[in-house]
Structures are given as C-alpha cells and as structure tokens.
Amino acid sequence: MMKRFLPPLARAAVLLAAGLCFAAPVRAQEEPELIPTPQAAPEPPKPAIDTTPPPTATGPLRPALDFQRWREMTARERQTFVEGAVQSMSALALRMRSDLEVGGKVPPESLAAVVRFIHDHYPKFPPSSYLREMEAIYGRADGQNLSMAEAFEQAFRRINAR
C-alpha cells in the first residue's frame, strides 16, 4: 500500500525517520551515582558588624542618626526611638484625618490620594514589631548603610505590607 502513494525517495525518508524514532529509546541512559555526595548547607549570612546593643550607656551619643549611633544606643534607647517614630506617624495620620473631617474642603480629585496616604502611613502594629524589623535590617551588611530614619521607613513598609 505504501508503494502506491509514495515515490521511492519519500519512502526512504519515512523509513529513515521511523528508524530514528525507534533508535532513540535504545540509547544508553546516564546512571545515577551509587552514593550521592551530600551538598554542604549554605552558611547563614553573618552581619558585617555586631549590632547587639550595649548593656549600659557609655557616654554621649553622636548627633547624627546613622548606623554608628544605632550601635551606641542601648536597647531601651532604641525602643524609645522606634516608639517615638510610630507615635509621630500616628499623630500625623490622625491629624490629617481630623482636619479632613472638619473642613471638608479637600477637592475630590485629591481626596483619594489623601485617604491612601493616611491608610499607608498609619501604624497598624505595636512598636516592638517595627523595632524587631529594624534590628533585622541593621543585622545585614546592606542595611548598615542606611540612616535610622531610612531603616525605620523600610521596616515600617515591610511590616505594614503583611
């Protein structure tokens, strides 16, 4: 039946293709290792600089709010900084909300943006959550280049995004 419909060259091509299809499964398979070599577990990244707070205050703090000052601050001073930042953001959002309700003079075009700003910048968690996140940020080498305000903003965005 194949002879009637296919010219000799086409028949040869079909037979060659069929032979290749059957030859593929016959090829040797790669054998797995008898005893697999265990891969070493990756080591957790170590902080570039120790970020544990000192147990007691050692003198006056630097005036700049940077990573060096964070390292000089005791745990209580760090907590106070974060609590103050959370309270100031909360006060700003509440003040904007109360001003909008009383005056009602916000143009409708910008009202959605103001409401979104208040929603995004109102603290939704206790200060201890933001403090833990700041500690985690400053525990990494890339976070140690941030000022305290930048580290707090980054922690605030991460925590509130959850």
N, C-alpha and C. Protein backbone atom coordinates (compact mmCIF):
# COMPACT_ATOMS: atom_id res chain seq x y z
N MET A 1 0.82 -1.18 0.00
CA MET A 1 0.00 0.00 0.00
C MET A 1 0.87 1.25 0.00
N MET A 2 2.01 1.22 0.70
CA MET A 2 2.89 2.36 0.75
C MET A 2 3.51 2.61 -0.61
N LYS A 3 3.71 1.57 -1.40
CA LYS A 3 4.34 1.72 -2.71
C LYS A 3 3.47 2.52 -3.66
N ARG A 4 2.17 2.42 -3.54
CA ARG A 4 1.29 3.10 -4.46
C ARG A 4 1.29 4.62 -4.29
N PHE A 5 1.39 5.09 -3.07
CA PHE A 5 1.20 6.51 -2.82
C PHE A 5 2.49 7.30 -2.71
N LEU A 6 3.59 6.72 -2.31
CA LEU A 6 4.82 7.46 -2.07
C LEU A 6 5.88 7.13 -3.11
N PRO A 7 6.55 8.14 -3.62
CA PRO A 7 7.67 7.86 -4.51
C PRO A 7 8.82 7.23 -3.72
N PRO A 8 9.79 6.63 -4.38
CA PRO A 8 10.86 5.91 -3.67
C PRO A 8 11.65 6.80 -2.71
N LEU A 9 11.91 8.04 -3.06
CA LEU A 9 12.67 8.93 -2.18
C LEU A 9 11.89 9.24 -0.90
N ALA A 10 10.59 9.47 -1.02
CA ALA A 10 9.75 9.74 0.14
C ALA A 10 9.67 8.52 1.03
N ARG A 11 9.60 7.29 0.39
CA ARG A 11 9.56 6.06 1.19
C ARG A 11 10.84 5.92 2.01
N ALA A 12 11.97 6.27 1.42
CA ALA A 12 13.25 6.18 2.13
C ALA A 12 13.28 7.16 3.30
N ALA A 13 12.73 8.34 3.11
CA ALA A 13 12.69 9.33 4.19
C ALA A 13 11.81 8.87 5.33
N VAL A 14 10.67 8.26 5.00
CA VAL A 14 9.76 7.75 6.03
C VAL A 14 10.42 6.63 6.81
N LEU A 15 11.09 5.71 6.09
CA LEU A 15 11.75 4.60 6.77
C LEU A 15 12.89 5.09 7.65
N LEU A 16 13.63 6.11 7.18
CA LEU A 16 14.73 6.67 7.97
C LEU A 16 14.20 7.32 9.24
N ALA A 17 13.11 8.09 9.10
CA ALA A 17 12.52 8.75 10.26
C ALA A 17 11.99 7.74 11.25
N ALA A 18 11.37 6.67 10.76
CA ALA A 18 10.86 5.63 11.65
C ALA A 18 12.01 4.93 12.36
N GLY A 19 13.10 4.72 11.66
CA GLY A 19 14.26 4.08 12.29
C GLY A 19 14.86 4.95 13.38
N LEU A 20 14.87 6.27 13.17
CA LEU A 20 15.40 7.17 14.20
C LEU A 20 14.51 7.20 15.42
N CYS A 21 13.20 7.13 15.22
CA CYS A 21 12.27 7.15 16.34
C CYS A 21 12.46 5.93 17.22
N PHE A 22 12.72 4.77 16.60
CA PHE A 22 12.89 3.56 17.38
C PHE A 22 14.28 3.47 17.99
N ALA A 23 15.24 4.17 17.40
CA ALA A 23 16.60 4.09 17.91
C ALA A 23 16.80 4.95 19.16
N ALA A 24 16.00 5.97 19.33
CA ALA A 24 16.20 6.89 20.44
C ALA A 24 16.06 6.21 21.80
N PRO A 25 15.02 5.39 22.05
CA PRO A 25 14.91 4.78 23.37
C PRO A 25 15.99 3.75 23.66
N VAL A 26 16.66 3.26 22.65
CA VAL A 26 17.66 2.22 22.84
C VAL A 26 18.97 2.80 23.36
N ARG A 27 19.16 4.09 23.23
CA ARG A 27 20.41 4.72 23.69
C ARG A 27 20.62 4.48 25.18
N ALA A 28 21.87 4.47 25.57
CA ALA A 28 22.20 4.22 26.97
C ALA A 28 21.76 5.39 27.83
N GLN A 29 21.29 5.08 29.01
CA GLN A 29 20.88 6.12 29.94
C GLN A 29 22.02 6.40 30.91
N GLU A 30 22.06 7.63 31.37
CA GLU A 30 23.09 8.00 32.34
C GLU A 30 22.67 7.45 33.70
N GLU A 31 23.56 6.75 34.34
CA GLU A 31 23.27 6.12 35.62
C GLU A 31 23.45 7.13 36.76
N PRO A 32 22.57 7.08 37.76
CA PRO A 32 22.77 7.96 38.92
C PRO A 32 23.94 7.46 39.76
N GLU A 33 24.47 8.35 40.57
CA GLU A 33 25.58 7.97 41.44
C GLU A 33 25.10 6.94 42.45
N LEU A 34 25.98 5.98 42.78
CA LEU A 34 25.61 4.97 43.77
C LEU A 34 25.50 5.58 45.16
N ILE A 35 26.45 6.40 45.50
CA ILE A 35 26.43 7.08 46.80
C ILE A 35 26.41 8.58 46.50
N PRO A 36 25.26 9.23 46.67
CA PRO A 36 25.21 10.66 46.35
C PRO A 36 26.08 11.46 47.32
N THR A 37 26.76 12.44 46.78
CA THR A 37 27.61 13.29 47.62
C THR A 37 26.73 14.34 48.28
N PRO A 38 26.79 14.45 49.59
CA PRO A 38 25.95 15.44 50.27
C PRO A 38 26.45 16.85 49.96
N GLN A 39 25.51 17.72 49.72
CA GLN A 39 25.86 19.11 49.48
C GLN A 39 25.95 19.83 50.82
N ALA A 40 26.94 20.67 50.94
CA ALA A 40 27.11 21.42 52.18
C ALA A 40 25.99 22.45 52.30
N ALA A 41 25.43 22.55 53.49
CA ALA A 41 24.37 23.53 53.73
C ALA A 41 24.98 24.93 53.66
N PRO A 42 24.29 25.85 52.99
CA PRO A 42 24.83 27.21 52.90
C PRO A 42 24.84 27.86 54.29
N GLU A 43 25.91 28.55 54.58
CA GLU A 43 26.00 29.21 55.88
C GLU A 43 25.14 30.47 55.87
N PRO A 44 24.47 30.75 56.99
CA PRO A 44 23.67 31.97 57.03
C PRO A 44 24.59 33.19 56.95
N PRO A 45 24.10 34.25 56.31
CA PRO A 45 24.95 35.44 56.18
C PRO A 45 25.25 36.03 57.56
N LYS A 46 26.49 36.36 57.78
CA LYS A 46 26.88 36.94 59.06
C LYS A 46 26.83 38.46 58.94
N PRO A 47 26.41 39.14 60.01
CA PRO A 47 26.39 40.59 59.93
C PRO A 47 27.81 41.13 59.78
N ALA A 48 27.93 42.18 59.01
CA ALA A 48 29.25 42.77 58.78
C ALA A 48 29.82 43.33 60.09
N ILE A 49 28.96 43.89 60.90
CA ILE A 49 29.39 44.49 62.17
C ILE A 49 28.39 44.04 63.24
N ASP A 50 28.86 43.82 64.43
CA ASP A 50 27.99 43.43 65.54
C ASP A 50 26.97 44.52 65.82
N THR A 51 25.69 44.14 65.90
CA THR A 51 24.63 45.13 66.11
C THR A 51 23.92 44.97 67.46
N THR A 52 24.46 44.13 68.36
CA THR A 52 23.81 43.98 69.65
C THR A 52 23.99 45.27 70.45
N PRO A 53 22.93 45.70 71.13
CA PRO A 53 23.03 46.96 71.88
C PRO A 53 23.92 46.80 73.11
N PRO A 54 24.61 47.86 73.50
CA PRO A 54 25.41 47.78 74.73
C PRO A 54 24.49 47.68 75.94
N PRO A 55 24.94 47.02 77.00
CA PRO A 55 24.07 46.87 78.17
C PRO A 55 23.80 48.19 78.89
N THR A 56 24.77 49.09 78.88
CA THR A 56 24.58 50.40 79.53
C THR A 56 25.12 51.49 78.62
N ALA A 57 24.67 52.69 78.88
CA ALA A 57 25.14 53.83 78.10
C ALA A 57 26.62 54.09 78.41
N THR A 58 27.39 54.41 77.38
CA THR A 58 28.83 54.60 77.57
C THR A 58 29.27 56.04 77.41
N GLY A 59 28.37 56.93 77.24
CA GLY A 59 28.74 58.34 77.07
C GLY A 59 27.71 59.03 76.19
N PRO A 60 28.03 60.25 75.78
CA PRO A 60 27.06 60.97 74.93
C PRO A 60 26.95 60.31 73.55
N LEU A 61 25.75 60.38 73.01
CA LEU A 61 25.50 59.80 71.69
C LEU A 61 25.94 60.77 70.59
N ARG A 62 26.29 60.21 69.44
CA ARG A 62 26.64 61.04 68.29
C ARG A 62 25.41 61.83 67.86
N PRO A 63 25.60 63.02 67.28
CA PRO A 63 24.44 63.81 66.87
C PRO A 63 23.74 63.26 65.62
N ALA A 64 24.46 62.55 64.76
CA ALA A 64 23.86 62.04 63.52
C ALA A 64 23.06 60.78 63.81
N LEU A 65 21.90 60.68 63.17
CA LEU A 65 21.08 59.48 63.31
C LEU A 65 21.48 58.49 62.22
N ASP A 66 22.56 57.78 62.45
CA ASP A 66 23.08 56.84 61.47
C ASP A 66 23.33 55.50 62.15
N PHE A 67 23.94 54.57 61.43
CA PHE A 67 24.18 53.23 61.95
C PHE A 67 25.12 53.27 63.15
N GLN A 68 26.12 54.12 63.12
CA GLN A 68 27.05 54.22 64.27
C GLN A 68 26.30 54.60 65.54
N ARG A 69 25.37 55.53 65.40
CA ARG A 69 24.59 55.91 66.58
C ARG A 69 23.72 54.74 67.02
N TRP A 70 23.16 54.00 66.09
CA TRP A 70 22.35 52.83 66.44
C TRP A 70 23.16 51.84 67.26
N ARG A 71 24.41 51.66 66.88
CA ARG A 71 25.28 50.73 67.61
C ARG A 71 25.57 51.24 69.02
N GLU A 72 25.61 52.56 69.21
CA GLU A 72 25.91 53.13 70.52
C GLU A 72 24.69 53.12 71.45
N MET A 73 23.50 53.02 70.91
CA MET A 73 22.28 53.11 71.70
C MET A 73 22.02 51.81 72.46
N THR A 74 21.52 51.94 73.69
CA THR A 74 21.12 50.78 74.46
C THR A 74 19.79 50.27 73.91
N ALA A 75 19.37 49.11 74.36
CA ALA A 75 18.10 48.54 73.89
C ALA A 75 16.94 49.46 74.22
N ARG A 76 16.97 50.08 75.39
CA ARG A 76 15.89 50.99 75.79
C ARG A 76 15.87 52.25 74.92
N GLU A 77 17.05 52.76 74.56
CA GLU A 77 17.11 53.94 73.70
C GLU A 77 16.59 53.61 72.30
N ARG A 78 16.91 52.43 71.81
CA ARG A 78 16.39 52.01 70.51
C ARG A 78 14.87 51.90 70.55
N GLN A 79 14.37 51.30 71.61
CA GLN A 79 12.93 51.15 71.76
C GLN A 79 12.26 52.52 71.81
N THR A 80 12.85 53.45 72.53
CA THR A 80 12.30 54.80 72.63
C THR A 80 12.28 55.49 71.26
N PHE A 81 13.35 55.31 70.48
CA PHE A 81 13.39 55.90 69.15
C PHE A 81 12.25 55.38 68.29
N VAL A 82 12.06 54.07 68.27
CA VAL A 82 11.02 53.46 67.44
C VAL A 82 9.63 53.86 67.94
N GLU A 83 9.43 53.86 69.25
CA GLU A 83 8.14 54.28 69.78
C GLU A 83 7.82 55.72 69.40
N GLY A 84 8.82 56.59 69.45
CA GLY A 84 8.62 57.98 69.04
C GLY A 84 8.28 58.10 67.56
N ALA A 85 8.95 57.33 66.73
CA ALA A 85 8.67 57.37 65.30
C ALA A 85 7.26 56.88 65.01
N VAL A 86 6.85 55.79 65.66
CA VAL A 86 5.49 55.27 65.46
C VAL A 86 4.46 56.28 65.94
N GLN A 87 4.69 56.88 67.10
CA GLN A 87 3.74 57.87 67.62
C GLN A 87 3.64 59.10 66.73
N SER A 88 4.77 59.56 66.18
CA SER A 88 4.72 60.74 65.32
C SER A 88 3.98 60.44 64.02
N MET A 89 4.18 59.25 63.45
CA MET A 89 3.45 58.89 62.23
C MET A 89 1.96 58.74 62.52
N SER A 90 1.64 58.16 63.65
CA SER A 90 0.24 58.01 64.04
C SER A 90 -0.41 59.38 64.25
N ALA A 91 0.30 60.27 64.91
CA ALA A 91 -0.24 61.61 65.16
C ALA A 91 -0.47 62.36 63.85
N LEU A 92 0.46 62.24 62.91
CA LEU A 92 0.31 62.90 61.62
C LEU A 92 -0.92 62.38 60.88
N ALA A 93 -1.08 61.07 60.84
CA ALA A 93 -2.21 60.50 60.13
C ALA A 93 -3.53 60.88 60.81
N LEU A 94 -3.58 60.84 62.13
CA LEU A 94 -4.81 61.21 62.83
C LEU A 94 -5.12 62.69 62.65
N ARG A 95 -4.10 63.53 62.67
CA ARG A 95 -4.31 64.97 62.47
C ARG A 95 -4.86 65.24 61.07
N MET A 96 -4.31 64.60 60.07
CA MET A 96 -4.81 64.78 58.71
C MET A 96 -6.25 64.31 58.60
N ARG A 97 -6.56 63.19 59.23
CA ARG A 97 -7.92 62.66 59.19
C ARG A 97 -8.90 63.62 59.84
N SER A 98 -8.54 64.18 61.01
CA SER A 98 -9.44 65.10 61.70
C SER A 98 -9.59 66.41 60.93
N ASP A 99 -8.54 66.90 60.31
CA ASP A 99 -8.64 68.13 59.52
C ASP A 99 -9.54 67.93 58.31
N LEU A 100 -9.51 66.76 57.71
CA LEU A 100 -10.36 66.50 56.55
C LEU A 100 -11.83 66.41 56.94
N GLU A 101 -12.10 65.82 58.09
CA GLU A 101 -13.49 65.65 58.51
C GLU A 101 -14.14 66.98 58.87
N VAL A 102 -13.41 67.86 59.52
CA VAL A 102 -13.99 69.12 59.96
C VAL A 102 -14.15 70.09 58.79
N GLY A 103 -13.08 70.32 58.07
CA GLY A 103 -13.11 71.31 56.99
C GLY A 103 -13.91 70.83 55.79
N GLY A 104 -13.65 69.65 55.36
CA GLY A 104 -14.34 69.12 54.19
C GLY A 104 -14.06 69.88 52.92
N LYS A 105 -12.94 70.64 52.87
CA LYS A 105 -12.65 71.47 51.71
C LYS A 105 -11.62 70.83 50.77
N VAL A 106 -11.40 69.57 50.91
CA VAL A 106 -10.43 68.89 50.06
C VAL A 106 -11.08 68.64 48.71
N PRO A 107 -10.43 69.04 47.63
CA PRO A 107 -11.03 68.78 46.31
C PRO A 107 -11.17 67.28 46.07
N PRO A 108 -12.24 66.87 45.41
CA PRO A 108 -12.47 65.44 45.19
C PRO A 108 -11.34 64.75 44.44
N GLU A 109 -10.63 65.48 43.59
CA GLU A 109 -9.54 64.86 42.83
C GLU A 109 -8.42 64.37 43.74
N SER A 110 -8.15 65.13 44.80
CA SER A 110 -7.03 64.75 45.67
C SER A 110 -7.48 64.00 46.92
N LEU A 111 -8.77 63.85 47.11
CA LEU A 111 -9.26 63.18 48.31
C LEU A 111 -8.80 61.72 48.35
N ALA A 112 -8.85 61.03 47.22
CA ALA A 112 -8.42 59.63 47.20
C ALA A 112 -6.95 59.52 47.55
N ALA A 113 -6.13 60.44 47.07
CA ALA A 113 -4.70 60.40 47.39
C ALA A 113 -4.46 60.65 48.87
N VAL A 114 -5.22 61.55 49.47
CA VAL A 114 -5.06 61.84 50.89
C VAL A 114 -5.49 60.64 51.73
N VAL A 115 -6.59 60.04 51.36
CA VAL A 115 -7.07 58.86 52.10
C VAL A 115 -6.07 57.72 51.98
N ARG A 116 -5.50 57.52 50.79
CA ARG A 116 -4.48 56.47 50.59
C ARG A 116 -3.25 56.77 51.43
N PHE A 117 -2.84 58.05 51.49
CA PHE A 117 -1.68 58.42 52.29
C PHE A 117 -1.93 58.10 53.76
N ILE A 118 -3.08 58.45 54.27
CA ILE A 118 -3.41 58.18 55.68
C ILE A 118 -3.42 56.67 55.93
N HIS A 119 -4.03 55.93 55.03
CA HIS A 119 -4.08 54.47 55.21
C HIS A 119 -2.68 53.85 55.19
N ASP A 120 -1.83 54.30 54.28
CA ASP A 120 -0.50 53.72 54.14
C ASP A 120 0.45 54.13 55.26
N HIS A 121 0.23 55.28 55.89
CA HIS A 121 1.17 55.79 56.88
C HIS A 121 0.67 55.69 58.32
N TYR A 122 -0.45 55.05 58.53
CA TYR A 122 -0.91 54.85 59.90
C TYR A 122 -0.35 53.54 60.42
N PRO A 123 0.33 53.55 61.58
CA PRO A 123 0.91 52.30 62.12
C PRO A 123 -0.19 51.30 62.47
N LYS A 124 0.00 50.07 62.03
CA LYS A 124 -1.01 49.03 62.26
C LYS A 124 -0.53 47.99 63.28
N PHE A 125 0.71 48.09 63.73
CA PHE A 125 1.28 47.11 64.64
C PHE A 125 1.97 47.83 65.80
N PRO A 126 2.26 47.12 66.88
CA PRO A 126 2.95 47.75 68.01
C PRO A 126 4.39 48.11 67.66
N PRO A 127 4.97 49.07 68.36
CA PRO A 127 6.35 49.49 68.07
C PRO A 127 7.36 48.35 68.15
N SER A 128 7.11 47.34 68.97
CA SER A 128 8.07 46.23 69.09
C SER A 128 8.24 45.49 67.77
N SER A 129 7.19 45.43 66.95
CA SER A 129 7.31 44.78 65.64
C SER A 129 8.25 45.55 64.74
N TYR A 130 8.12 46.87 64.74
CA TYR A 130 8.99 47.71 63.90
C TYR A 130 10.43 47.68 64.42
N LEU A 131 10.58 47.61 65.74
CA LEU A 131 11.92 47.53 66.33
C LEU A 131 12.62 46.23 65.91
N ARG A 132 11.90 45.11 65.97
CA ARG A 132 12.49 43.83 65.53
C ARG A 132 12.89 43.88 64.06
N GLU A 133 12.07 44.50 63.25
CA GLU A 133 12.39 44.59 61.82
C GLU A 133 13.59 45.49 61.59
N MET A 134 13.70 46.58 62.36
CA MET A 134 14.88 47.44 62.24
C MET A 134 16.14 46.69 62.65
N GLU A 135 16.04 45.89 63.70
CA GLU A 135 17.19 45.08 64.12
C GLU A 135 17.60 44.13 63.00
N ALA A 136 16.61 43.54 62.32
CA ALA A 136 16.91 42.62 61.23
C ALA A 136 17.56 43.36 60.05
N ILE A 137 17.09 44.55 59.78
CA ILE A 137 17.66 45.35 58.67
C ILE A 137 19.09 45.72 59.00
N TYR A 138 19.34 46.19 60.20
CA TYR A 138 20.70 46.58 60.59
C TYR A 138 21.61 45.37 60.80
N GLY A 139 21.05 44.17 60.90
CA GLY A 139 21.86 42.97 61.03
C GLY A 139 22.49 42.52 59.72
N ARG A 140 22.02 43.07 58.61
CA ARG A 140 22.60 42.74 57.31
C ARG A 140 23.56 43.84 56.87
N ALA A 141 24.54 43.45 56.08
CA ALA A 141 25.57 44.41 55.66
C ALA A 141 24.97 45.53 54.82
N ASP A 142 24.00 45.22 53.94
CA ASP A 142 23.44 46.28 53.10
C ASP A 142 22.58 47.25 53.90
N GLY A 143 22.00 46.81 55.01
CA GLY A 143 21.18 47.69 55.83
C GLY A 143 22.01 48.65 56.66
N GLN A 144 23.29 48.35 56.84
CA GLN A 144 24.13 49.19 57.70
C GLN A 144 24.55 50.49 57.02
N ASN A 145 24.17 50.66 55.76
CA ASN A 145 24.44 51.91 55.06
C ASN A 145 23.29 52.90 55.20
N LEU A 146 22.19 52.47 55.83
CA LEU A 146 21.00 53.31 55.96
C LEU A 146 21.06 54.17 57.21
N SER A 147 20.46 55.36 57.13
CA SER A 147 20.30 56.16 58.34
C SER A 147 19.19 55.52 59.17
N MET A 148 19.02 55.99 60.39
CA MET A 148 17.99 55.41 61.25
C MET A 148 16.60 55.70 60.70
N ALA A 149 16.39 56.86 60.12
CA ALA A 149 15.09 57.19 59.54
C ALA A 149 14.80 56.29 58.33
N GLU A 150 15.80 56.06 57.48
CA GLU A 150 15.61 55.20 56.32
C GLU A 150 15.35 53.75 56.75
N ALA A 151 16.08 53.30 57.76
CA ALA A 151 15.87 51.93 58.26
C ALA A 151 14.47 51.79 58.85
N PHE A 152 14.01 52.81 59.58
CA PHE A 152 12.67 52.76 60.15
C PHE A 152 11.61 52.75 59.04
N GLU A 153 11.79 53.60 58.04
CA GLU A 153 10.82 53.64 56.93
C GLU A 153 10.75 52.28 56.22
N GLN A 154 11.90 51.68 56.01
CA GLN A 154 11.94 50.37 55.35
C GLN A 154 11.25 49.32 56.23
N ALA A 155 11.51 49.34 57.53
CA ALA A 155 10.85 48.40 58.45
C ALA A 155 9.34 48.65 58.48
N PHE A 156 8.95 49.91 58.48
CA PHE A 156 7.53 50.28 58.50
C PHE A 156 6.83 49.73 57.27
N ARG A 157 7.43 49.92 56.08
CA ARG A 157 6.82 49.42 54.85
C ARG A 157 6.73 47.89 54.85
N ARG A 158 7.77 47.22 55.32
CA ARG A 158 7.76 45.76 55.33
C ARG A 158 6.69 45.20 56.25
N ILE A 159 6.60 45.76 57.45
CA ILE A 159 5.64 45.27 58.43
C ILE A 159 4.21 45.57 58.00
N ASN A 160 3.95 46.77 57.52
CA ASN A 160 2.59 47.12 57.14
C ASN A 160 2.15 46.44 55.85
N ALA A 161 3.07 45.95 55.05
CA ALA A 161 2.70 45.27 53.81
C ALA A 161 2.18 43.86 54.08
N ARG A 162 2.40 43.34 55.25
CA ARG A 162 1.97 41.96 55.57
C ARG A 162 0.48 41.86 55.67
